[in-house]
Amino acid sequence: MQRVLLIDDETEICFLLSNVIKRAGGECDMAHSLAEGRARLGEADYSAVFLDIHLPDGLGYDLIPEIRSHQPSARVIAISAVDNERLNATARGADLFIPKPFDKLSILGGLRQLGLSS
């Protein structure tokens, strides 16, 4: 695993994801809004983007085309506490959906499923 961008307005979620990813050998950058996420996309190359659907300045879905444009090889992992967002997430271009609350095993399983972790 390489560098991962975490976009979620909940600092606890970012902290949990960051710890799991770092223990799996990755590096993390964090953003807490769509605007911050947009700015981060131009700063580094990411192997994955964890993208919360409901952010303070809009819907995470709106960022997926920009992720695909700026980081074409990055895998997009949508996350949300609203489980019925699963179909919307994949229909709008996410590679994977992980419902909140999640645990270490679901995160690592998702990364393995996408070929980002062994």
PDB file of N, CA and C in Angstrom:
ATOM      1  N   MET A   1       0.851  -1.180   0.000  1.00  0.00           N
ATOM      2  CA  MET A   1       0.000   0.000   0.000  1.00  0.00           C
ATOM      3  C   MET A   1       0.894   1.240   0.000  1.00  0.00           C
ATOM      4  N   GLN A   2       0.395   2.272  -0.622  1.00  0.00           N
ATOM      5  CA  GLN A   2       1.160   3.500  -0.712  1.00  0.00           C
ATOM      6  C   GLN A   2       0.463   4.598   0.080  1.00  0.00           C
ATOM      7  N   ARG A   3       0.261   5.726  -0.539  1.00  0.00           N
ATOM      8  CA  ARG A   3      -0.357   6.873   0.128  1.00  0.00           C
ATOM      9  C   ARG A   3      -1.866   6.838  -0.071  1.00  0.00           C
ATOM     10  N   VAL A   4      -2.592   7.157   1.006  1.00  0.00           N
ATOM     11  CA  VAL A   4      -4.057   7.127   1.009  1.00  0.00           C
ATOM     12  C   VAL A   4      -4.566   8.489   1.465  1.00  0.00           C
ATOM     13  N   LEU A   5      -5.615   8.968   0.804  1.00  0.00           N
ATOM     14  CA  LEU A   5      -6.282  10.210   1.204  1.00  0.00           C
ATOM     15  C   LEU A   5      -7.573   9.856   1.920  1.00  0.00           C
ATOM     16  N   LEU A   6      -7.742  10.403   3.113  1.00  0.00           N
ATOM     17  CA  LEU A   6      -8.952  10.208   3.909  1.00  0.00           C
ATOM     18  C   LEU A   6      -9.752  11.500   3.876  1.00  0.00           C
ATOM     19  N   ILE A   7     -10.992  11.433   3.391  1.00  0.00           N
ATOM     20  CA  ILE A   7     -11.852  12.617   3.352  1.00  0.00           C
ATOM     21  C   ILE A   7     -13.087  12.312   4.184  1.00  0.00           C
ATOM     22  N   ASP A   8     -13.112  12.860   5.388  1.00  0.00           N
ATOM     23  CA  ASP A   8     -14.234  12.646   6.307  1.00  0.00           C
ATOM     24  C   ASP A   8     -14.241  13.796   7.302  1.00  0.00           C
ATOM     25  N   ASP A   9     -15.429  14.322   7.603  1.00  0.00           N
ATOM     26  CA  ASP A   9     -15.517  15.444   8.526  1.00  0.00           C
ATOM     27  C   ASP A   9     -15.413  15.017   9.986  1.00  0.00           C
ATOM     28  N   GLU A  10     -15.473  13.723  10.264  1.00  0.00           N
ATOM     29  CA  GLU A  10     -15.360  13.238  11.638  1.00  0.00           C
ATOM     30  C   GLU A  10     -13.906  12.890  11.931  1.00  0.00           C
ATOM     31  N   THR A  11     -13.292  13.633  12.853  1.00  0.00           N
ATOM     32  CA  THR A  11     -11.880  13.409  13.164  1.00  0.00           C
ATOM     33  C   THR A  11     -11.638  12.020  13.744  1.00  0.00           C
ATOM     34  N   GLU A  12     -12.621  11.475  14.470  1.00  0.00           N
ATOM     35  CA  GLU A  12     -12.455  10.138  15.044  1.00  0.00           C
ATOM     36  C   GLU A  12     -12.342   9.093  13.937  1.00  0.00           C
ATOM     37  N   ILE A  13     -13.134   9.245  12.891  1.00  0.00           N
ATOM     38  CA  ILE A  13     -13.090   8.319  11.762  1.00  0.00           C
ATOM     39  C   ILE A  13     -11.729   8.411  11.072  1.00  0.00           C
ATOM     40  N   CYS A  14     -11.265   9.618  10.842  1.00  0.00           N
ATOM     41  CA  CYS A  14      -9.953   9.798  10.216  1.00  0.00           C
ATOM     42  C   CYS A  14      -8.852   9.183  11.073  1.00  0.00           C
ATOM     43  N   PHE A  15      -8.936   9.358  12.373  1.00  0.00           N
ATOM     44  CA  PHE A  15      -7.940   8.800  13.288  1.00  0.00           C
ATOM     45  C   PHE A  15      -7.943   7.275  13.204  1.00  0.00           C
ATOM     46  N   LEU A  16      -9.119   6.651  13.230  1.00  0.00           N
ATOM     47  CA  LEU A  16      -9.225   5.196  13.153  1.00  0.00           C
ATOM     48  C   LEU A  16      -8.670   4.685  11.820  1.00  0.00           C
ATOM     49  N   LEU A  17      -9.111   5.280  10.721  1.00  0.00           N
ATOM     50  CA  LEU A  17      -8.626   4.862   9.405  1.00  0.00           C
ATOM     51  C   LEU A  17      -7.117   5.044   9.278  1.00  0.00           C
ATOM     52  N   SER A  18      -6.629   6.160   9.760  1.00  0.00           N
ATOM     53  CA  SER A  18      -5.202   6.447   9.693  1.00  0.00           C
ATOM     54  C   SER A  18      -4.390   5.391  10.437  1.00  0.00           C
ATOM     55  N   ASN A  19      -4.832   5.024  11.620  1.00  0.00           N
ATOM     56  CA  ASN A  19      -4.113   4.005  12.396  1.00  0.00           C
ATOM     57  C   ASN A  19      -4.088   2.664  11.674  1.00  0.00           C
ATOM     58  N   VAL A  20      -5.223   2.252  11.129  1.00  0.00           N
ATOM     59  CA  VAL A  20      -5.288   0.968  10.421  1.00  0.00           C
ATOM     60  C   VAL A  20      -4.376   0.999   9.191  1.00  0.00           C
ATOM     61  N   ILE A  21      -4.435   2.067   8.434  1.00  0.00           N
ATOM     62  CA  ILE A  21      -3.649   2.169   7.208  1.00  0.00           C
ATOM     63  C   ILE A  21      -2.152   2.238   7.506  1.00  0.00           C
ATOM     64  N   LYS A  22      -1.776   2.987   8.527  1.00  0.00           N
ATOM     65  CA  LYS A  22      -0.361   3.081   8.892  1.00  0.00           C
ATOM     66  C   LYS A  22       0.172   1.742   9.372  1.00  0.00           C
ATOM     67  N   ARG A  23      -0.612   1.012  10.128  1.00  0.00           N
ATOM     68  CA  ARG A  23      -0.185  -0.319  10.584  1.00  0.00           C
ATOM     69  C   ARG A  23      -0.054  -1.304   9.431  1.00  0.00           C
ATOM     70  N   ALA A  24      -0.797  -1.052   8.350  1.00  0.00           N
ATOM     71  CA  ALA A  24      -0.719  -1.905   7.158  1.00  0.00           C
ATOM     72  C   ALA A  24       0.404  -1.450   6.225  1.00  0.00           C
ATOM     73  N   GLY A  25       1.149  -0.419   6.620  1.00  0.00           N
ATOM     74  CA  GLY A  25       2.294   0.031   5.841  1.00  0.00           C
ATOM     75  C   GLY A  25       2.057   1.209   4.927  1.00  0.00           C
ATOM     76  N   GLY A  26       0.894   1.841   5.036  1.00  0.00           N
ATOM     77  CA  GLY A  26       0.587   2.980   4.184  1.00  0.00           C
ATOM     78  C   GLY A  26       0.856   4.319   4.856  1.00  0.00           C
ATOM     79  N   GLU A  27       0.745   5.360   4.081  1.00  0.00           N
ATOM     80  CA  GLU A  27       0.837   6.729   4.585  1.00  0.00           C
ATOM     81  C   GLU A  27      -0.496   7.406   4.331  1.00  0.00           C
ATOM     82  N   CYS A  28      -0.845   8.376   5.175  1.00  0.00           N
ATOM     83  CA  CYS A  28      -2.161   9.022   5.062  1.00  0.00           C
ATOM     84  C   CYS A  28      -2.067  10.532   5.032  1.00  0.00           C
ATOM     85  N   ASP A  29      -2.949  11.110   4.238  1.00  0.00           N
ATOM     86  CA  ASP A  29      -3.250  12.531   4.296  1.00  0.00           C
ATOM     87  C   ASP A  29      -4.729  12.627   4.622  1.00  0.00           C
ATOM     88  N   MET A  30      -5.126  13.705   5.291  1.00  0.00           N
ATOM     89  CA  MET A  30      -6.520  13.859   5.696  1.00  0.00           C
ATOM     90  C   MET A  30      -7.098  15.166   5.182  1.00  0.00           C
ATOM     91  N   ALA A  31      -8.400  15.118   4.917  1.00  0.00           N
ATOM     92  CA  ALA A  31      -9.174  16.306   4.566  1.00  0.00           C
ATOM     93  C   ALA A  31     -10.527  16.155   5.243  1.00  0.00           C
ATOM     94  N   HIS A  32     -11.113  17.268   5.656  1.00  0.00           N
ATOM     95  CA  HIS A  32     -12.372  17.212   6.398  1.00  0.00           C
ATOM     96  C   HIS A  32     -13.544  17.858   5.663  1.00  0.00           C
ATOM     97  N   SER A  33     -13.353  18.129   4.377  1.00  0.00           N
ATOM     98  CA  SER A  33     -14.424  18.701   3.548  1.00  0.00           C
ATOM     99  C   SER A  33     -14.106  18.429   2.084  1.00  0.00           C
ATOM    100  N   LEU A  34     -15.089  18.677   1.218  1.00  0.00           N
ATOM    101  CA  LEU A  34     -14.848  18.541  -0.214  1.00  0.00           C
ATOM    102  C   LEU A  34     -13.749  19.503  -0.677  1.00  0.00           C
ATOM    103  N   ALA A  35     -13.792  20.725  -0.181  1.00  0.00           N
ATOM    104  CA  ALA A  35     -12.802  21.723  -0.584  1.00  0.00           C
ATOM    105  C   ALA A  35     -11.393  21.279  -0.202  1.00  0.00           C
ATOM    106  N   GLU A  36     -11.219  20.784   1.012  1.00  0.00           N
ATOM    107  CA  GLU A  36      -9.907  20.292   1.432  1.00  0.00           C
ATOM    108  C   GLU A  36      -9.497  19.082   0.604  1.00  0.00           C
ATOM    109  N   GLY A  37     -10.447  18.200   0.314  1.00  0.00           N
ATOM    110  CA  GLY A  37     -10.160  17.028  -0.504  1.00  0.00           C
ATOM    111  C   GLY A  37      -9.678  17.415  -1.891  1.00  0.00           C
ATOM    112  N   ARG A  38     -10.349  18.382  -2.495  1.00  0.00           N
ATOM    113  CA  ARG A  38      -9.935  18.878  -3.822  1.00  0.00           C
ATOM    114  C   ARG A  38      -8.501  19.388  -3.784  1.00  0.00           C
ATOM    115  N   ALA A  39      -8.179  20.151  -2.755  1.00  0.00           N
ATOM    116  CA  ALA A  39      -6.834  20.703  -2.632  1.00  0.00           C
ATOM    117  C   ALA A  39      -5.798  19.587  -2.480  1.00  0.00           C
ATOM    118  N   ARG A  40      -6.106  18.587  -1.689  1.00  0.00           N
ATOM    119  CA  ARG A  40      -5.171  17.476  -1.451  1.00  0.00           C
ATOM    120  C   ARG A  40      -4.915  16.654  -2.708  1.00  0.00           C
ATOM    121  N   LEU A  41      -5.914  16.524  -3.572  1.00  0.00           N
ATOM    122  CA  LEU A  41      -5.758  15.709  -4.778  1.00  0.00           C
ATOM    123  C   LEU A  41      -4.612  16.191  -5.657  1.00  0.00           C
ATOM    124  N   GLY A  42      -4.315  17.472  -5.603  1.00  0.00           N
ATOM    125  CA  GLY A  42      -3.229  18.010  -6.409  1.00  0.00           C
ATOM    126  C   GLY A  42      -1.878  17.987  -5.729  1.00  0.00           C
ATOM    127  N   GLU A  43      -1.824  17.520  -4.494  1.00  0.00           N
ATOM    128  CA  GLU A  43      -0.582  17.577  -3.715  1.00  0.00           C
ATOM    129  C   GLU A  43       0.240  16.299  -3.744  1.00  0.00           C
ATOM    130  N   ALA A  44      -0.386  15.150  -4.017  1.00  0.00           N
ATOM    131  CA  ALA A  44       0.340  13.870  -3.963  1.00  0.00           C
ATOM    132  C   ALA A  44      -0.386  12.847  -4.826  1.00  0.00           C
ATOM    133  N   ASP A  45       0.293  11.742  -5.092  1.00  0.00           N
ATOM    134  CA  ASP A  45      -0.322  10.623  -5.795  1.00  0.00           C
ATOM    135  C   ASP A  45      -0.878   9.659  -4.753  1.00  0.00           C
ATOM    136  N   TYR A  46      -2.128   9.249  -4.930  1.00  0.00           N
ATOM    137  CA  TYR A  46      -2.795   8.376  -3.974  1.00  0.00           C
ATOM    138  C   TYR A  46      -3.152   7.041  -4.614  1.00  0.00           C
ATOM    139  N   SER A  47      -2.975   5.980  -3.846  1.00  0.00           N
ATOM    140  CA  SER A  47      -3.403   4.665  -4.320  1.00  0.00           C
ATOM    141  C   SER A  47      -4.876   4.445  -3.997  1.00  0.00           C
ATOM    142  N   ALA A  48      -5.368   5.160  -2.973  1.00  0.00           N
ATOM    143  CA  ALA A  48      -6.774   5.036  -2.578  1.00  0.00           C
ATOM    144  C   ALA A  48      -7.261   6.322  -1.940  1.00  0.00           C
ATOM    145  N   VAL A  49      -8.563   6.539  -2.068  1.00  0.00           N
ATOM    146  CA  VAL A  49      -9.226   7.664  -1.410  1.00  0.00           C
ATOM    147  C   VAL A  49     -10.430   7.108  -0.655  1.00  0.00           C
ATOM    148  N   PHE A  50     -10.428   7.263   0.668  1.00  0.00           N
ATOM    149  CA  PHE A  50     -11.609   6.957   1.479  1.00  0.00           C
ATOM    150  C   PHE A  50     -12.454   8.215   1.472  1.00  0.00           C
ATOM    151  N   LEU A  51     -13.686   8.100   1.006  1.00  0.00           N
ATOM    152  CA  LEU A  51     -14.520   9.268   0.761  1.00  0.00           C
ATOM    153  C   LEU A  51     -15.851   9.149   1.482  1.00  0.00           C
ATOM    154  N   ASP A  52     -16.049   9.989   2.495  1.00  0.00           N
ATOM    155  CA  ASP A  52     -17.339  10.047   3.178  1.00  0.00           C
ATOM    156  C   ASP A  52     -18.362  10.639   2.217  1.00  0.00           C
ATOM    157  N   ILE A  53     -19.575  10.151   2.274  1.00  0.00           N
ATOM    158  CA  ILE A  53     -20.611  10.627   1.365  1.00  0.00           C
ATOM    159  C   ILE A  53     -21.196  11.962   1.820  1.00  0.00           C
ATOM    160  N   HIS A  54     -21.452  12.112   3.106  1.00  0.00           N
ATOM    161  CA  HIS A  54     -22.094  13.321   3.615  1.00  0.00           C
ATOM    162  C   HIS A  54     -21.062  14.202   4.311  1.00  0.00           C
ATOM    163  N   LEU A  55     -20.659  15.257   3.608  1.00  0.00           N
ATOM    164  CA  LEU A  55     -19.657  16.187   4.109  1.00  0.00           C
ATOM    165  C   LEU A  55     -20.299  17.553   4.321  1.00  0.00           C
ATOM    166  N   PRO A  56     -19.689  18.407   5.130  1.00  0.00           N
ATOM    167  CA  PRO A  56     -20.321  19.690   5.454  1.00  0.00           C
ATOM    168  C   PRO A  56     -20.560  20.605   4.257  1.00  0.00           C
ATOM    169  N   ASP A  57     -19.735  20.468   3.217  1.00  0.00           N
ATOM    170  CA  ASP A  57     -19.891  21.353   2.063  1.00  0.00           C
ATOM    171  C   ASP A  57     -20.400  20.627   0.816  1.00  0.00           C
ATOM    172  N   GLY A  58     -21.018  19.459   0.998  1.00  0.00           N
ATOM    173  CA  GLY A  58     -21.618  18.773  -0.149  1.00  0.00           C
ATOM    174  C   GLY A  58     -21.535  17.264  -0.037  1.00  0.00           C
ATOM    175  N   LEU A  59     -21.860  16.605  -1.122  1.00  0.00           N
ATOM    176  CA  LEU A  59     -21.839  15.145  -1.178  1.00  0.00           C
ATOM    177  C   LEU A  59     -20.521  14.648  -1.761  1.00  0.00           C
ATOM    178  N   GLY A  60     -19.976  13.638  -1.136  1.00  0.00           N
ATOM    179  CA  GLY A  60     -18.727  13.054  -1.599  1.00  0.00           C
ATOM    180  C   GLY A  60     -18.782  12.581  -3.043  1.00  0.00           C
ATOM    181  N   TYR A  61     -19.984  12.169  -3.486  1.00  0.00           N
ATOM    182  CA  TYR A  61     -20.147  11.733  -4.874  1.00  0.00           C
ATOM    183  C   TYR A  61     -19.623  12.765  -5.860  1.00  0.00           C
ATOM    184  N   ASP A  62     -19.813  14.032  -5.502  1.00  0.00           N
ATOM    185  CA  ASP A  62     -19.429  15.105  -6.417  1.00  0.00           C
ATOM    186  C   ASP A  62     -17.923  15.149  -6.671  1.00  0.00           C
ATOM    187  N   LEU A  63     -17.151  14.531  -5.788  1.00  0.00           N
ATOM    188  CA  LEU A  63     -15.700  14.551  -5.931  1.00  0.00           C
ATOM    189  C   LEU A  63     -15.172  13.376  -6.758  1.00  0.00           C
ATOM    190  N   ILE A  64     -15.971  12.354  -6.955  1.00  0.00           N
ATOM    191  CA  ILE A  64     -15.487  11.152  -7.660  1.00  0.00           C
ATOM    192  C   ILE A  64     -14.972  11.472  -9.070  1.00  0.00           C
ATOM    193  N   PRO A  65     -15.678  12.263  -9.890  1.00  0.00           N
ATOM    194  CA  PRO A  65     -15.121  12.576 -11.216  1.00  0.00           C
ATOM    195  C   PRO A  65     -13.769  13.295 -11.136  1.00  0.00           C
ATOM    196  N   GLU A  66     -13.596  14.152 -10.141  1.00  0.00           N
ATOM    197  CA  GLU A  66     -12.317  14.850  -9.990  1.00  0.00           C
ATOM    198  C   GLU A  66     -11.215  13.895  -9.559  1.00  0.00           C
ATOM    199  N   ILE A  67     -11.553  12.949  -8.687  1.00  0.00           N
ATOM    200  CA  ILE A  67     -10.574  11.944  -8.284  1.00  0.00           C
ATOM    201  C   ILE A  67     -10.135  11.164  -9.516  1.00  0.00           C
ATOM    202  N   ARG A  68     -11.094  10.735 -10.328  1.00  0.00           N
ATOM    203  CA  ARG A  68     -10.790   9.965 -11.542  1.00  0.00           C
ATOM    204  C   ARG A  68      -9.933  10.784 -12.517  1.00  0.00           C
ATOM    205  N   SER A  69     -10.175  12.073 -12.575  1.00  0.00           N
ATOM    206  CA  SER A  69      -9.427  12.941 -13.477  1.00  0.00           C
ATOM    207  C   SER A  69      -7.997  13.180 -12.980  1.00  0.00           C
ATOM    208  N   HIS A  70      -7.836  13.505 -11.690  1.00  0.00           N
ATOM    209  CA  HIS A  70      -6.525  13.842 -11.129  1.00  0.00           C
ATOM    210  C   HIS A  70      -5.712  12.623 -10.711  1.00  0.00           C
ATOM    211  N   GLN A  71      -6.401  11.572 -10.316  1.00  0.00           N
ATOM    212  CA  GLN A  71      -5.736  10.368  -9.802  1.00  0.00           C
ATOM    213  C   GLN A  71      -6.358   9.133 -10.466  1.00  0.00           C
ATOM    214  N   PRO A  72      -6.153   8.930 -11.755  1.00  0.00           N
ATOM    215  CA  PRO A  72      -6.874   7.872 -12.469  1.00  0.00           C
ATOM    216  C   PRO A  72      -6.659   6.461 -11.932  1.00  0.00           C
ATOM    217  N   SER A  73      -5.541   6.202 -11.296  1.00  0.00           N
ATOM    218  CA  SER A  73      -5.303   4.842 -10.782  1.00  0.00           C
ATOM    219  C   SER A  73      -5.770   4.675  -9.339  1.00  0.00           C
ATOM    220  N   ALA A  74      -6.186   5.759  -8.692  1.00  0.00           N
ATOM    221  CA  ALA A  74      -6.631   5.674  -7.289  1.00  0.00           C
ATOM    222  C   ALA A  74      -7.948   4.920  -7.197  1.00  0.00           C
ATOM    223  N   ARG A  75      -8.067   4.081  -6.186  1.00  0.00           N
ATOM    224  CA  ARG A  75      -9.306   3.371  -5.918  1.00  0.00           C
ATOM    225  C   ARG A  75     -10.129   4.223  -4.953  1.00  0.00           C
ATOM    226  N   VAL A  76     -11.418   4.345  -5.202  1.00  0.00           N
ATOM    227  CA  VAL A  76     -12.305   5.154  -4.364  1.00  0.00           C
ATOM    228  C   VAL A  76     -13.132   4.225  -3.482  1.00  0.00           C
ATOM    229  N   ILE A  77     -13.003   4.446  -2.175  1.00  0.00           N
ATOM    230  CA  ILE A  77     -13.743   3.661  -1.194  1.00  0.00           C
ATOM    231  C   ILE A  77     -14.712   4.604  -0.499  1.00  0.00           C
ATOM    232  N   ALA A  78     -15.983   4.486  -0.832  1.00  0.00           N
ATOM    233  CA  ALA A  78     -17.010   5.332  -0.222  1.00  0.00           C
ATOM    234  C   ALA A  78     -17.343   4.786   1.155  1.00  0.00           C
ATOM    235  N   ILE A  79     -17.544   5.694   2.113  1.00  0.00           N
ATOM    236  CA  ILE A  79     -17.929   5.304   3.466  1.00  0.00           C
ATOM    237  C   ILE A  79     -19.107   6.166   3.909  1.00  0.00           C
ATOM    238  N   SER A  80     -20.054   5.537   4.609  1.00  0.00           N
ATOM    239  CA  SER A  80     -21.216   6.278   5.087  1.00  0.00           C
ATOM    240  C   SER A  80     -21.928   5.498   6.171  1.00  0.00           C
ATOM    241  N   ALA A  81     -22.546   6.226   7.085  1.00  0.00           N
ATOM    242  CA  ALA A  81     -23.376   5.599   8.113  1.00  0.00           C
ATOM    243  C   ALA A  81     -24.743   5.230   7.556  1.00  0.00           C
ATOM    244  N   VAL A  82     -25.057   5.715   6.366  1.00  0.00           N
ATOM    245  CA  VAL A  82     -26.335   5.421   5.718  1.00  0.00           C
ATOM    246  C   VAL A  82     -26.112   4.245   4.772  1.00  0.00           C
ATOM    247  N   ASP A  83     -26.480   3.038   5.225  1.00  0.00           N
ATOM    248  CA  ASP A  83     -26.169   1.827   4.469  1.00  0.00           C
ATOM    249  C   ASP A  83     -26.832   1.797   3.097  1.00  0.00           C
ATOM    250  N   ASN A  84     -27.977   2.459   2.936  1.00  0.00           N
ATOM    251  CA  ASN A  84     -28.622   2.425   1.617  1.00  0.00           C
ATOM    252  C   ASN A  84     -27.884   3.282   0.595  1.00  0.00           C
ATOM    253  N   GLU A  85     -26.780   3.887   0.975  1.00  0.00           N
ATOM    254  CA  GLU A  85     -25.936   4.635   0.028  1.00  0.00           C
ATOM    255  C   GLU A  85     -25.082   3.693  -0.819  1.00  0.00           C
ATOM    256  N   ARG A  86     -25.044   2.415  -0.466  1.00  0.00           N
ATOM    257  CA  ARG A  86     -24.191   1.443  -1.165  1.00  0.00           C
ATOM    258  C   ARG A  86     -24.424   1.465  -2.683  1.00  0.00           C
ATOM    259  N   LEU A  87     -25.675   1.354  -3.116  1.00  0.00           N
ATOM    260  CA  LEU A  87     -25.975   1.337  -4.553  1.00  0.00           C
ATOM    261  C   LEU A  87     -25.638   2.666  -5.210  1.00  0.00           C
ATOM    262  N   ASN A  88     -25.940   3.763  -4.526  1.00  0.00           N
ATOM    263  CA  ASN A  88     -25.601   5.081  -5.059  1.00  0.00           C
ATOM    264  C   ASN A  88     -24.089   5.222  -5.239  1.00  0.00           C
ATOM    265  N   ALA A  89     -23.349   4.759  -4.258  1.00  0.00           N
ATOM    266  CA  ALA A  89     -21.891   4.905  -4.292  1.00  0.00           C
ATOM    267  C   ALA A  89     -21.290   4.177  -5.486  1.00  0.00           C
ATOM    268  N   THR A  90     -21.684   2.937  -5.681  1.00  0.00           N
ATOM    269  CA  THR A  90     -21.114   2.187  -6.797  1.00  0.00           C
ATOM    270  C   THR A  90     -21.636   2.709  -8.142  1.00  0.00           C
ATOM    271  N   ALA A  91     -22.887   3.128  -8.183  1.00  0.00           N
ATOM    272  CA  ALA A  91     -23.436   3.682  -9.422  1.00  0.00           C
ATOM    273  C   ALA A  91     -22.756   4.988  -9.807  1.00  0.00           C
ATOM    274  N   ARG A  92     -22.279   5.733  -8.803  1.00  0.00           N
ATOM    275  CA  ARG A  92     -21.642   7.030  -9.067  1.00  0.00           C
ATOM    276  C   ARG A  92     -20.126   6.915  -9.231  1.00  0.00           C
ATOM    277  N   GLY A  93     -19.603   5.664  -9.219  1.00  0.00           N
ATOM    278  CA  GLY A  93     -18.194   5.483  -9.554  1.00  0.00           C
ATOM    279  C   GLY A  93     -17.269   5.006  -8.453  1.00  0.00           C
ATOM    280  N   ALA A  94     -17.780   4.752  -7.261  1.00  0.00           N
ATOM    281  CA  ALA A  94     -16.915   4.236  -6.196  1.00  0.00           C
ATOM    282  C   ALA A  94     -16.564   2.778  -6.494  1.00  0.00           C
ATOM    283  N   ASP A  95     -15.348   2.388  -6.156  1.00  0.00           N
ATOM    284  CA  ASP A  95     -14.910   1.006  -6.354  1.00  0.00           C
ATOM    285  C   ASP A  95     -15.446   0.086  -5.270  1.00  0.00           C
ATOM    286  N   LEU A  96     -15.723   0.652  -4.102  1.00  0.00           N
ATOM    287  CA  LEU A  96     -16.140  -0.146  -2.955  1.00  0.00           C
ATOM    288  C   LEU A  96     -16.917   0.747  -1.999  1.00  0.00           C
ATOM    289  N   PHE A  97     -17.829   0.155  -1.249  1.00  0.00           N
ATOM    290  CA  PHE A  97     -18.577   0.870  -0.205  1.00  0.00           C
ATOM    291  C   PHE A  97     -18.372   0.122   1.104  1.00  0.00           C
ATOM    292  N   ILE A  98     -18.014   0.847   2.149  1.00  0.00           N
ATOM    293  CA  ILE A  98     -17.889   0.272   3.493  1.00  0.00           C
ATOM    294  C   ILE A  98     -18.802   1.071   4.414  1.00  0.00           C
ATOM    295  N   PRO A  99     -19.786   0.403   5.028  1.00  0.00           N
ATOM    296  CA  PRO A  99     -20.701   1.127   5.918  1.00  0.00           C
ATOM    297  C   PRO A  99     -20.050   1.446   7.270  1.00  0.00           C
ATOM    298  N   LYS A 100     -20.449   2.583   7.833  1.00  0.00           N
ATOM    299  CA  LYS A 100     -20.065   2.942   9.195  1.00  0.00           C
ATOM    300  C   LYS A 100     -21.135   2.390  10.130  1.00  0.00           C
ATOM    301  N   PRO A 101     -20.834   1.997  11.329  1.00  0.00           N
ATOM    302  CA  PRO A 101     -19.470   1.931  11.870  1.00  0.00           C
ATOM    303  C   PRO A 101     -18.738   0.733  11.286  1.00  0.00           C
ATOM    304  N   PHE A 102     -17.443   0.873  11.127  1.00  0.00           N
ATOM    305  CA  PHE A 102     -16.632  -0.220  10.619  1.00  0.00           C
ATOM    306  C   PHE A 102     -15.549  -0.527  11.637  1.00  0.00           C
ATOM    307  N   ASP A 103     -14.866  -1.626  11.402  1.00  0.00           N
ATOM    308  CA  ASP A 103     -13.770  -2.008  12.276  1.00  0.00           C
ATOM    309  C   ASP A 103     -12.529  -2.268  11.427  1.00  0.00           C
ATOM    310  N   LYS A 104     -11.454  -2.572  12.101  1.00  0.00           N
ATOM    311  CA  LYS A 104     -10.170  -2.802  11.442  1.00  0.00           C
ATOM    312  C   LYS A 104     -10.277  -3.881  10.367  1.00  0.00           C
ATOM    313  N   LEU A 105     -10.986  -4.967  10.678  1.00  0.00           N
ATOM    314  CA  LEU A 105     -11.075  -6.081   9.734  1.00  0.00           C
ATOM    315  C   LEU A 105     -11.812  -5.706   8.450  1.00  0.00           C
ATOM    316  N   SER A 106     -12.871  -4.888   8.560  1.00  0.00           N
ATOM    317  CA  SER A 106     -13.595  -4.492   7.346  1.00  0.00           C
ATOM    318  C   SER A 106     -12.748  -3.563   6.484  1.00  0.00           C
ATOM    319  N   ILE A 107     -11.935  -2.717   7.106  1.00  0.00           N
ATOM    320  CA  ILE A 107     -11.053  -1.819   6.355  1.00  0.00           C
ATOM    321  C   ILE A 107      -9.967  -2.628   5.653  1.00  0.00           C
ATOM    322  N   LEU A 108      -9.309  -3.498   6.394  1.00  0.00           N
ATOM    323  CA  LEU A 108      -8.252  -4.318   5.798  1.00  0.00           C
ATOM    324  C   LEU A 108      -8.805  -5.246   4.719  1.00  0.00           C
ATOM    325  N   GLY A 109      -9.992  -5.799   4.946  1.00  0.00           N
ATOM    326  CA  GLY A 109     -10.632  -6.649   3.943  1.00  0.00           C
ATOM    327  C   GLY A 109     -10.934  -5.885   2.674  1.00  0.00           C
ATOM    328  N   GLY A 110     -11.423  -4.661   2.827  1.00  0.00           N
ATOM    329  CA  GLY A 110     -11.699  -3.826   1.661  1.00  0.00           C
ATOM    330  C   GLY A 110     -10.434  -3.488   0.883  1.00  0.00           C
ATOM    331  N   LEU A 111      -9.358  -3.178   1.604  1.00  0.00           N
ATOM    332  CA  LEU A 111      -8.091  -2.871   0.937  1.00  0.00           C
ATOM    333  C   LEU A 111      -7.556  -4.101   0.196  1.00  0.00           C
ATOM    334  N   ARG A 112      -7.681  -5.261   0.799  1.00  0.00           N
ATOM    335  CA  ARG A 112      -7.260  -6.514   0.144  1.00  0.00           C
ATOM    336  C   ARG A 112      -8.120  -6.784  -1.086  1.00  0.00           C
ATOM    337  N   GLN A 113      -9.425  -6.571  -0.957  1.00  0.00           N
ATOM    338  CA  GLN A 113     -10.341  -6.799  -2.076  1.00  0.00           C
ATOM    339  C   GLN A 113      -9.955  -5.962  -3.285  1.00  0.00           C
ATOM    340  N   LEU A 114      -9.460  -4.765  -3.040  1.00  0.00           N
ATOM    341  CA  LEU A 114      -9.069  -3.876  -4.128  1.00  0.00           C
ATOM    342  C   LEU A 114      -7.600  -4.044  -4.552  1.00  0.00           C
ATOM    343  N   GLY A 115      -6.927  -5.015  -3.942  1.00  0.00           N
ATOM    344  CA  GLY A 115      -5.534  -5.279  -4.292  1.00  0.00           C
ATOM    345  C   GLY A 115      -4.547  -4.273  -3.747  1.00  0.00           C
ATOM    346  N   LEU A 116      -4.928  -3.573  -2.679  1.00  0.00           N
ATOM    347  CA  LEU A 116      -4.073  -2.537  -2.109  1.00  0.00           C
ATOM    348  C   LEU A 116      -3.294  -2.989  -0.883  1.00  0.00           C
ATOM    349  N   SER A 117      -3.570  -4.186  -0.417  1.00  0.00           N
ATOM    350  CA  SER A 117      -2.911  -4.705   0.785  1.00  0.00           C
ATOM    351  C   SER A 117      -2.847  -6.213   0.665  1.00  0.00           C
ATOM    352  N   SER A 118      -1.847  -6.788   1.305  1.00  0.00           N
ATOM    353  CA  SER A 118      -1.733  -8.257   1.268  1.00  0.00           C
ATOM    354  C   SER A 118      -2.353  -8.907   2.476  1.00  0.00           C
TER     355      SER A 118
END
